[in-house]
Protein backbone atom coordinates (compact mmCIF):
# COMPACT_ATOMS: atom_id res chain seq x y z
CA MET A 1 72.89 38.26 15.95
CA THR A 2 73.63 41.52 17.75
CA THR A 3 74.81 40.11 21.10
CA LYS A 4 78.09 38.45 21.84
CA ARG A 5 77.91 35.20 23.81
CA GLU A 6 80.05 32.16 24.48
CA LEU A 7 77.37 29.41 24.33
CA ALA A 8 79.89 26.59 24.54
CA ASN A 9 82.93 25.19 22.85
CA ARG A 10 81.80 23.83 19.45
CA GLN A 11 83.72 20.61 19.91
CA ALA A 12 82.15 20.07 23.31
CA LEU A 13 78.66 20.51 21.90
CA GLU A 14 79.33 17.99 19.09
CA GLN A 15 80.74 15.39 21.57
CA LYS A 16 77.68 15.81 23.84
CA LEU A 17 75.38 15.35 20.95
CA GLU A 18 77.20 12.20 19.76
CA CYS A 19 76.91 10.73 23.24
CA ILE A 20 73.21 11.54 23.56
CA TRP A 21 72.59 10.02 20.04
CA ALA A 22 74.44 6.77 20.99
CA TYR A 23 72.56 6.57 24.33
CA MET A 24 69.12 7.03 22.71
CA ARG A 25 69.60 4.11 20.22
CA SER A 26 71.21 1.65 22.64
CA GLU A 27 69.56 -1.76 22.55
CA ARG A 28 69.94 -2.06 26.38
CA HIS A 29 66.87 0.10 26.80
CA GLN A 30 64.41 -2.45 25.35
CA GLY A 31 61.44 -2.97 27.63
CA ASN A 32 62.02 0.35 29.44
CA TRP A 33 58.93 2.49 28.88
CA ALA A 34 60.82 5.73 29.07
CA MET A 35 63.78 4.83 26.96
CA ASP A 36 62.64 1.99 24.54
CA ILE A 37 62.59 3.86 21.19
CA ASP A 38 60.77 1.08 19.37
CA HIS A 39 57.10 2.14 20.26
CA TRP A 40 54.70 4.45 18.48
CA ASP A 41 53.77 7.06 21.06
CA TRP A 42 54.69 10.47 22.33
CA VAL A 43 57.74 9.36 24.30
CA PRO A 44 59.75 7.94 21.35
CA GLY A 45 57.92 10.52 19.13
CA VAL A 46 59.69 13.39 20.77
CA GLY A 47 62.88 11.43 20.67
CA VAL A 48 62.72 10.81 16.89
CA ILE A 49 61.64 14.37 16.17
CA SER A 50 64.74 15.55 18.04
CA LEU A 51 66.95 13.07 16.15
CA LEU A 52 65.55 14.46 12.89
CA GLU A 53 66.55 17.97 13.84
CA TYR A 54 69.96 16.77 14.90
CA GLY A 55 70.54 14.80 11.67
CA THR A 56 69.34 17.54 9.28
CA ALA A 57 71.18 20.35 11.09
CA THR A 58 74.49 18.50 11.11
CA GLY A 59 74.15 16.69 7.80
CA LYS A 60 74.55 13.28 9.38
CA GLU A 61 72.99 10.82 6.91
CA GLU A 62 73.45 8.00 9.40
CA VAL A 63 70.82 9.69 11.64
CA THR A 64 68.26 10.16 8.86
CA ASP A 65 68.88 6.64 7.59
CA TYR A 66 68.25 5.35 11.18
CA LEU A 67 64.96 7.23 11.25
CA LEU A 68 63.85 5.77 7.93
CA HIS A 69 64.48 2.28 9.29
CA TRP A 70 62.73 3.23 12.53
CA VAL A 71 59.60 4.18 10.62
CA ASN A 72 59.67 0.97 8.60
CA ARG A 73 60.06 -1.32 11.57
CA ASN A 74 57.54 0.48 13.76
CA LYS A 75 54.84 1.75 11.41
CA GLN A 76 52.60 -1.32 12.00
CA LYS A 77 52.40 -0.27 15.63
CA ALA A 78 50.74 2.92 14.53
CA GLU A 79 47.67 1.06 13.19
CA GLY A 80 44.54 1.01 15.42
CA ALA A 81 42.83 3.80 17.37
CA ARG A 82 44.26 7.19 16.77
CA VAL A 83 44.89 9.54 19.72
CA ILE A 84 46.73 12.84 20.02
CA ASN A 85 49.71 11.36 21.74
CA SER A 86 50.31 8.80 19.06
CA LEU A 87 50.50 11.45 16.35
CA ALA A 88 53.93 12.78 17.56
CA PRO A 89 55.98 10.48 15.32
CA TYR A 90 54.12 11.71 12.22
CA ALA A 91 56.00 14.98 12.53
CA LEU A 92 58.94 13.10 10.89
CA PHE A 93 56.96 12.34 7.73
CA PRO A 94 57.07 15.68 5.86
CA GLU A 95 60.86 16.00 6.04
CA LEU A 96 61.41 12.25 5.35
CA TYR A 97 59.16 12.67 2.28
CA ARG A 98 61.37 15.59 1.13
CA LEU A 99 64.42 13.47 1.52
CA THR A 100 63.09 10.26 -0.13
CA GLY A 101 60.03 11.12 -2.21
CA ASP A 102 58.33 8.01 -0.88
CA PRO A 103 54.58 8.50 -1.63
CA TRP A 104 53.55 6.33 1.28
CA LEU A 105 54.98 8.83 3.75
CA LEU A 106 52.92 11.66 2.13
CA SER A 107 49.70 9.68 1.88
CA GLN A 108 49.89 8.51 5.44
CA ALA A 109 50.55 12.02 6.69
CA GLN A 110 47.66 13.39 4.73
CA GLU A 111 45.31 10.62 6.03
CA VAL A 112 46.29 11.43 9.66
CA ALA A 113 45.72 15.19 9.03
CA ALA A 114 42.32 14.43 7.59
CA TRP A 115 41.43 12.58 10.71
CA MET A 116 42.63 15.43 12.90
CA LEU A 117 40.48 17.96 11.01
CA GLY A 118 37.40 15.87 10.66
CA THR A 119 37.17 13.12 13.27
CA ALA A 120 39.43 13.83 16.23
CA PRO A 121 37.30 14.69 19.39
CA ARG A 122 37.17 18.37 20.30
CA THR A 123 36.09 20.42 23.25
CA ARG A 124 33.05 22.79 23.13
CA GLU A 125 35.58 25.58 22.33
CA GLY A 126 36.77 23.67 19.29
CA ALA A 127 40.19 22.78 20.77
CA LEU A 128 41.49 19.24 20.20
CA GLU A 129 40.78 17.07 23.15
CA HIS A 130 43.89 15.51 24.61
CA THR A 131 43.67 11.83 24.03
CA VAL A 132 46.32 9.18 25.03
CA THR A 133 47.30 5.61 24.25
CA GLU A 134 46.74 4.45 27.76
CA ALA A 135 43.37 3.11 28.86
CA VAL A 136 42.20 6.33 30.35
CA GLU A 137 40.10 9.28 29.09
CA PHE A 138 40.21 12.98 29.77
CA PRO A 139 36.91 14.15 28.25
CA GLU A 140 36.85 17.78 27.03
CA GLN A 141 40.29 18.39 28.53
CA VAL A 142 42.78 20.68 26.82
CA TRP A 143 46.45 20.05 27.56
CA ALA A 144 49.44 22.18 26.43
CA ASP A 145 51.16 18.97 25.35
CA THR A 146 48.77 18.71 22.34
CA VAL A 147 50.40 21.77 20.61
CA TYR A 148 53.68 19.84 20.33
CA MET A 149 52.36 16.29 19.80
CA ALA A 150 49.85 17.07 17.11
CA VAL A 151 49.64 20.71 15.93
CA LEU A 152 53.28 20.82 15.08
CA PHE A 153 52.68 17.95 12.64
CA LEU A 154 49.87 19.88 10.99
CA ALA A 155 52.05 22.93 10.49
CA ARG A 156 54.93 20.86 8.99
CA LEU A 157 52.64 19.07 6.58
CA ALA A 158 51.04 22.43 5.61
CA SER A 159 54.52 23.81 4.86
CA LEU A 160 55.36 20.78 2.72
CA THR A 161 52.20 20.69 0.61
CA GLY A 162 51.13 24.40 0.69
CA ASP A 163 47.75 23.33 2.00
CA ARG A 164 46.10 26.54 3.36
CA GLU A 165 43.38 24.66 5.21
CA LEU A 166 45.93 22.74 7.23
CA ALA A 167 47.84 25.94 7.97
CA ALA A 168 44.81 27.74 9.19
CA ALA A 169 43.86 24.74 11.36
CA ALA A 170 47.34 24.68 12.97
CA VAL A 171 47.16 28.39 13.70
CA GLN A 172 43.61 28.17 15.04
CA GLN A 173 44.57 25.29 17.39
CA THR A 174 47.62 27.07 18.58
CA LEU A 175 45.73 30.21 19.42
CA LEU A 176 42.88 28.31 21.05
CA HIS A 177 45.29 26.50 23.36
CA LEU A 178 46.96 29.87 24.31
CA ARG A 179 43.57 31.40 25.04
CA LEU A 180 42.37 28.57 27.16
CA LEU A 181 45.66 27.87 29.08
CA GLN A 182 47.29 31.24 29.62
CA ASP A 183 47.07 32.74 32.98
CA PRO A 184 45.88 36.34 32.62
CA GLU A 185 47.70 37.41 35.77
CA THR A 186 51.17 35.93 35.19
CA GLY A 187 51.30 35.18 31.41
CA LEU A 188 52.40 31.54 32.15
CA LEU A 189 50.44 28.55 30.99
CA PHE A 190 48.42 26.23 33.13
CA HIS A 191 48.98 22.53 32.40
CA GLY A 192 45.37 21.86 31.41
CA TRP A 193 41.79 23.21 31.03
CA ASN A 194 38.62 21.24 31.76
CA SER A 195 35.88 22.54 29.44
CA ARG A 196 33.07 20.72 31.34
CA ALA A 197 34.06 22.09 34.76
CA GLY A 198 35.20 25.41 33.32
CA SER A 199 38.52 25.33 35.36
CA HIS A 200 42.18 24.74 35.13
CA MET A 201 41.84 21.83 37.54
CA SER A 202 44.89 21.93 39.81
CA ALA A 203 45.82 25.25 38.27
CA ALA A 204 49.51 24.20 38.11
CA ARG A 205 51.77 26.28 35.96
CA TRP A 206 53.83 23.19 35.07
CA ALA A 207 57.20 23.88 33.39
CA ARG A 208 57.13 21.13 30.70
CA ALA A 209 53.61 22.21 29.60
CA ASN A 210 55.03 25.68 29.07
CA ALA A 211 58.06 24.17 27.27
CA TRP A 212 55.90 22.31 24.78
CA VAL A 213 54.27 25.57 23.61
CA ALA A 214 57.42 27.68 23.86
CA LEU A 215 59.19 25.26 21.55
CA ALA A 216 56.44 24.55 19.02
CA VAL A 217 55.07 28.02 18.35
CA PRO A 218 58.11 29.42 16.54
CA GLU A 219 58.07 26.58 14.08
CA ILE A 220 54.30 26.61 13.65
CA VAL A 221 54.39 30.26 12.81
CA ALA A 222 57.37 29.91 10.45
CA GLY A 223 55.69 27.00 8.59
CA THR A 224 52.30 28.68 8.14
CA VAL A 225 52.97 32.40 7.81
CA SER A 226 53.14 32.30 4.07
CA LEU A 227 49.87 30.31 3.82
CA THR A 228 47.48 31.95 6.32
CA ALA A 229 47.11 35.06 8.37
CA ILE A 230 48.71 34.92 11.81
CA PRO A 231 46.58 36.91 14.28
CA GLN A 232 48.35 39.57 16.25
CA GLU A 233 46.89 38.00 19.36
CA LEU A 234 48.98 34.87 18.89
CA TYR A 235 52.14 36.94 18.65
CA SER A 236 51.30 39.01 21.75
CA ARG A 237 50.35 35.93 23.81
CA TYR A 238 53.55 34.13 22.83
CA ARG A 239 55.73 37.20 23.77
CA ARG A 240 53.92 37.57 27.05
CA LEU A 241 54.53 33.87 27.74
CA ALA A 242 58.23 34.26 26.93
CA SER A 243 58.51 37.31 29.20
CA ALA A 244 56.83 35.49 32.08
CA LEU A 245 59.15 32.44 31.59
CA ARG A 246 62.26 34.62 31.59
CA GLN A 247 61.11 36.13 34.93
CA ALA A 248 60.52 32.62 36.35
CA GLN A 249 64.01 31.30 35.45
CA GLY A 250 66.12 30.21 38.40
CA ALA A 251 69.56 31.42 39.38
CA SER A 252 71.06 28.19 38.02
CA GLY A 253 69.56 28.89 34.61
CA LEU A 254 66.97 26.08 35.02
CA TRP A 255 63.26 26.31 35.66
CA HIS A 256 61.45 24.60 38.59
CA THR A 257 59.08 21.75 37.71
CA VAL A 258 56.15 24.10 38.77
CA LEU A 259 57.31 27.50 37.62
CA ASP A 260 56.14 29.59 40.55
CA GLN A 261 57.21 27.12 43.22
CA PRO A 262 60.87 27.99 44.02
CA ASP A 263 61.11 25.06 46.46
CA ASP A 264 60.23 22.49 43.85
CA TYR A 265 63.04 20.60 42.05
CA GLU A 266 64.61 22.07 38.86
CA GLU A 267 63.56 20.07 35.82
CA THR A 268 65.91 19.44 32.88
CA SER A 269 63.61 18.61 30.02
CA ALA A 270 61.39 21.68 30.54
CA SER A 271 64.47 23.90 30.85
CA ALA A 272 65.85 22.57 27.63
CA GLY A 273 62.52 22.97 25.81
CA ILE A 274 62.04 26.54 27.02
CA ALA A 275 65.65 27.61 26.24
CA CYS A 276 65.50 25.94 22.73
CA GLY A 277 62.16 27.72 22.12
CA PHE A 278 63.89 30.96 22.95
CA LEU A 279 66.66 30.32 20.42
CA LYS A 280 64.11 29.41 17.66
CA ALA A 281 61.95 32.43 18.41
CA VAL A 282 64.92 34.80 18.27
CA LYS A 283 66.17 33.30 15.06
CA SER A 284 62.68 33.67 13.45
CA GLY A 285 62.18 37.19 14.74
CA LEU A 286 59.40 36.40 17.31
CA LEU A 287 61.62 37.50 20.20
CA GLU A 288 64.44 40.07 20.60
CA ASP A 289 68.13 39.10 21.10
CA ALA A 290 67.88 39.62 24.81
CA TYR A 291 66.32 36.16 25.24
CA LEU A 292 69.65 34.58 24.11
CA GLU A 293 71.09 35.35 27.51
CA SER A 294 68.37 33.24 29.09
CA ALA A 295 68.99 30.47 26.66
CA GLU A 296 72.73 30.63 27.36
CA ALA A 297 72.10 30.53 31.09
CA ALA A 298 69.93 27.33 30.76
CA LEU A 299 72.50 25.69 28.41
CA VAL A 300 75.28 26.31 30.96
CA GLY A 301 73.11 24.82 33.66
CA ILE A 302 72.16 21.74 31.64
CA LEU A 303 75.58 20.73 30.26
CA PRO A 304 76.76 19.30 33.52
CA LEU A 305 73.61 17.17 33.69
CA ILE A 306 74.65 15.26 30.59
CA HIS A 307 76.47 12.10 31.84
CA GLU A 308 79.61 11.05 29.96
CA ASP A 309 77.69 8.13 28.44
CA GLY A 310 74.99 10.52 27.11
CA GLU A 311 72.41 10.07 29.77
CA VAL A 312 70.42 13.25 30.58
CA GLN A 313 69.68 13.56 34.28
CA GLY A 314 67.00 15.42 36.11
CA VAL A 315 64.07 14.57 33.79
CA SER A 316 60.68 14.09 35.37
CA GLY A 317 58.51 11.19 34.40
CA GLY A 318 55.36 11.18 32.37
CA THR A 319 52.97 13.65 34.04
CA PRO A 320 49.24 14.00 33.50
CA VAL A 321 47.37 16.93 34.97
CA MET A 322 47.99 16.18 38.65
CA PRO A 323 45.32 16.60 41.35
CA SER A 324 47.27 19.35 43.18
CA ILE A 325 50.25 21.66 42.66
CA ALA A 326 52.16 19.89 45.41
CA ALA A 327 51.78 16.54 43.59
CA TYR A 328 53.98 17.66 40.71
CA ASN A 329 56.90 17.82 43.02
CA THR A 330 56.51 14.16 43.84
CA ILE A 331 56.99 12.98 40.18
CA GLU A 332 59.99 10.70 39.96
CA ARG A 333 62.98 11.69 37.83
CA TYR A 334 64.70 9.23 35.45
CA PRO A 335 66.17 9.17 31.93
CA ALA A 336 63.46 9.37 29.18
CA LEU A 337 63.53 9.76 25.45
CA TYR A 338 61.73 13.10 25.57
CA GLY A 339 64.31 14.48 28.04
CA GLN A 340 67.19 13.18 25.87
CA GLY A 341 65.42 14.70 22.78
CA LEU A 342 64.71 18.13 24.22
CA VAL A 343 68.27 18.47 25.43
CA MET A 344 69.47 17.33 22.07
CA GLN A 345 67.34 19.94 20.32
CA LEU A 346 68.78 22.68 22.57
CA LEU A 347 72.43 21.69 21.87
CA THR A 348 71.60 21.33 18.12
CA GLU A 349 70.07 24.86 18.05
CA ALA A 350 72.98 26.23 19.98
CA LEU A 351 75.39 24.61 17.59
CA ASP A 352 73.51 26.09 14.61
CA LEU A 353 73.49 29.49 16.30
CA GLU A 354 77.19 29.37 16.80
CA GLN A 355 77.73 28.43 13.06
CA THR A 356 75.43 31.33 12.15
CA GLU A 357 77.30 33.84 14.23
CA HIS A 358 80.50 32.55 12.84
CA ARG A 359 79.30 33.15 9.29
CA LEU A 360 77.91 36.63 10.23
CA GLU A 361 81.18 37.57 11.86
CA GLY A 362 83.15 36.45 8.77
CA GLN A 363 80.65 38.33 6.55
CA GLY A 364 81.13 41.35 8.80
CA ARG A 365 84.90 41.11 8.47
CA GLN A 366 84.55 40.91 4.69
CA GLU A 367 82.24 43.93 4.62
CA ASP A 368 84.56 45.84 6.95
CA GLN A 369 87.59 44.93 4.70
CA GLY A 370 85.50 45.92 1.64
CA CYS A 371 84.56 49.21 3.15
CA GLN A 372 88.11 49.91 4.21
CA GLU A 373 89.39 49.15 0.71
CA HIS A 374 86.73 51.30 -0.85
CA GLU A 375 87.58 54.18 1.45
CA GLU A 376 91.35 53.77 0.64
CA ARG A 377 90.53 53.85 -3.10
CA GLN A 378 88.47 56.88 -2.58
CA GLU A 379 91.22 58.56 -0.51
CA ARG A 380 93.81 57.73 -3.24
CA GLN A 381 91.54 59.14 -5.95
CA GLY A 382 91.00 62.19 -3.82
CA ARG A 383 94.80 62.71 -3.39
CA GLN A 384 95.19 62.30 -7.12
CA GLU A 385 92.53 64.79 -7.86
CA ASP A 386 93.94 67.28 -5.36
CA GLN A 387 97.42 66.84 -6.93
CA GLY A 388 95.97 67.37 -10.36
CA ARG A 389 94.16 70.52 -9.28
CA GLU A 390 97.32 71.88 -7.61
CA GLU A 391 99.42 71.27 -10.71
CA HIS A 392 96.74 72.83 -12.97
CA GLU A 393 96.53 75.86 -10.64
CA GLU A 394 100.31 76.15 -10.60
CA ARG A 395 100.51 76.10 -14.37
CA GLN A 396 97.83 78.79 -14.48
CA ARG A 397 99.64 80.96 -12.03
CA ARG A 398 102.93 80.67 -13.97
CA GLN A 399 101.20 81.59 -17.20
CA GLU A 400 99.51 84.55 -15.65
CA ASP A 401 102.75 85.70 -13.97
CA GLN A 402 104.57 85.43 -17.37
CA GLY A 403 101.77 87.33 -19.07
CA CYS A 404 101.95 90.19 -16.51
CA GLU A 405 105.69 90.56 -17.16
CA GLU A 406 105.46 90.66 -20.99
CA HIS A 407 102.13 92.45 -21.96
CA PRO A 408 102.44 95.59 -19.76
CA GLU A 409 105.89 96.45 -21.45
CA ARG A 410 104.43 96.72 -24.80
CA PRO A 411 102.07 99.54 -24.08
CA GLY A 412 104.67 101.31 -21.93
CA GLY A 413 107.31 101.14 -24.66
CA GLN A 414 104.84 102.30 -27.24
CA GLN A 415 103.95 105.29 -25.05
CA ARG A 416 107.64 106.22 -24.69
CA GLN A 417 108.17 105.97 -28.41
CA GLU A 418 105.28 108.28 -29.09
CA ASP A 419 106.53 110.83 -26.50
CA GLN A 420 110.02 110.82 -28.00
CA GLN A 421 108.52 111.43 -31.48
CA ARG A 422 106.51 114.30 -30.33
CA GLN A 423 109.59 115.76 -28.53
CA ALA A 424 111.72 115.44 -31.66
CA GLN A 425 109.14 117.07 -33.84
CA SER A 426 108.99 120.00 -31.39
CA ASP A 427 112.82 120.40 -31.39
CA GLY A 428 112.96 120.37 -35.24
CA MET A 429 115.17 117.38 -35.31
CA GLY A 430 112.97 115.26 -37.59
CA SER A 431 112.20 111.81 -37.10
CA LEU A 432 114.32 109.86 -34.63
CA ASN A 433 114.46 106.03 -34.18
CA VAL A 434 113.99 104.98 -30.61
CA GLU A 435 116.64 102.38 -30.89
CA GLY A 436 119.12 105.05 -31.99
CA GLU A 437 118.47 107.00 -28.87
CA ALA A 438 121.27 105.29 -26.99
CA GLY A 439 123.94 105.71 -29.89
CA GLY A 440 123.11 109.09 -31.24
């Protein structure tokens, strides 16, 4: 990472995560719809998905062991009519299969995926109709929630098996949801789309709807990019969504439950999901590093909302597409597994980011040290070469000076000897030795 940030003290993050993990599995929540983890629906589904990320990122085998037991004691509850919201827990199966090799996990996941591709109801545009476990129907309605509750599972299974058909379906559904839900004016997502009416119903730009997509898309892209083409439109729509979300972020670092309603309450689970999505998207290259500042601001705002016993405060209750924008602000807030889970994912991703930065800084120091040592070696070698050249040049100069002193005397002496001989001859004195000139 290129930017420097102080996300949080590592030890504080670990302690918060331990408390959230303990709170989520507490038996005192039995019978509480929002906190009872022993069901097979989207609420515990988001919770166990988050626990899996926490367990694998930190290497805590006790967490993955807990999830294997959770599947075994609750899998019979998954039997019966399949709906989109009940698919969320299946997102565990690909990773649990990697860890255990249990063929039942793979066969069940493939059976569910086949139902999604061949039987699950769709709208006239081809998008998966959002169906729920409650006795209520939303015919031909598209909800942002589906991308996280069902499409994420398809992408994870495709990544595990290398199934190109599943990968293409995951990308197609992601793009369809973005097309149908993205507001062309702001770039934010509406909560839902009614294909029959051709409208966004209440036209609320609900924060948690945006969080589901902001969080799921980076992983969907990462899991399918090697198996199928990712349209440029998907990248551009996601980046426009992220830009719009950053602009809608409140001064506290959190987002309001309806994004463009600054008088609405700030909502914790959506804020955690959006911020975690930013961290994942930066890590995968979907977004630039500048989004880390938004994620940091959200984390700083959320940490005080984690009670000492691990309870996450400020989480809005289960929310269908409401009849009006104002109605979203009336949704009660209470602890819920999806709120616990989304905050857990944010803290886990922040912890992983801190570890990554620590490794990168250490690598940078090693590289700097290596460069410095290399430069010092080159400098020493250069000095040795310079010294060698100076010594060589000095030897040459001395030799040349010595030659200049010796060789010019021999021609000069020879010339004097010849002159003396000629002078002697002219004087009739005969031959005369030059050496005898001084004694003679």
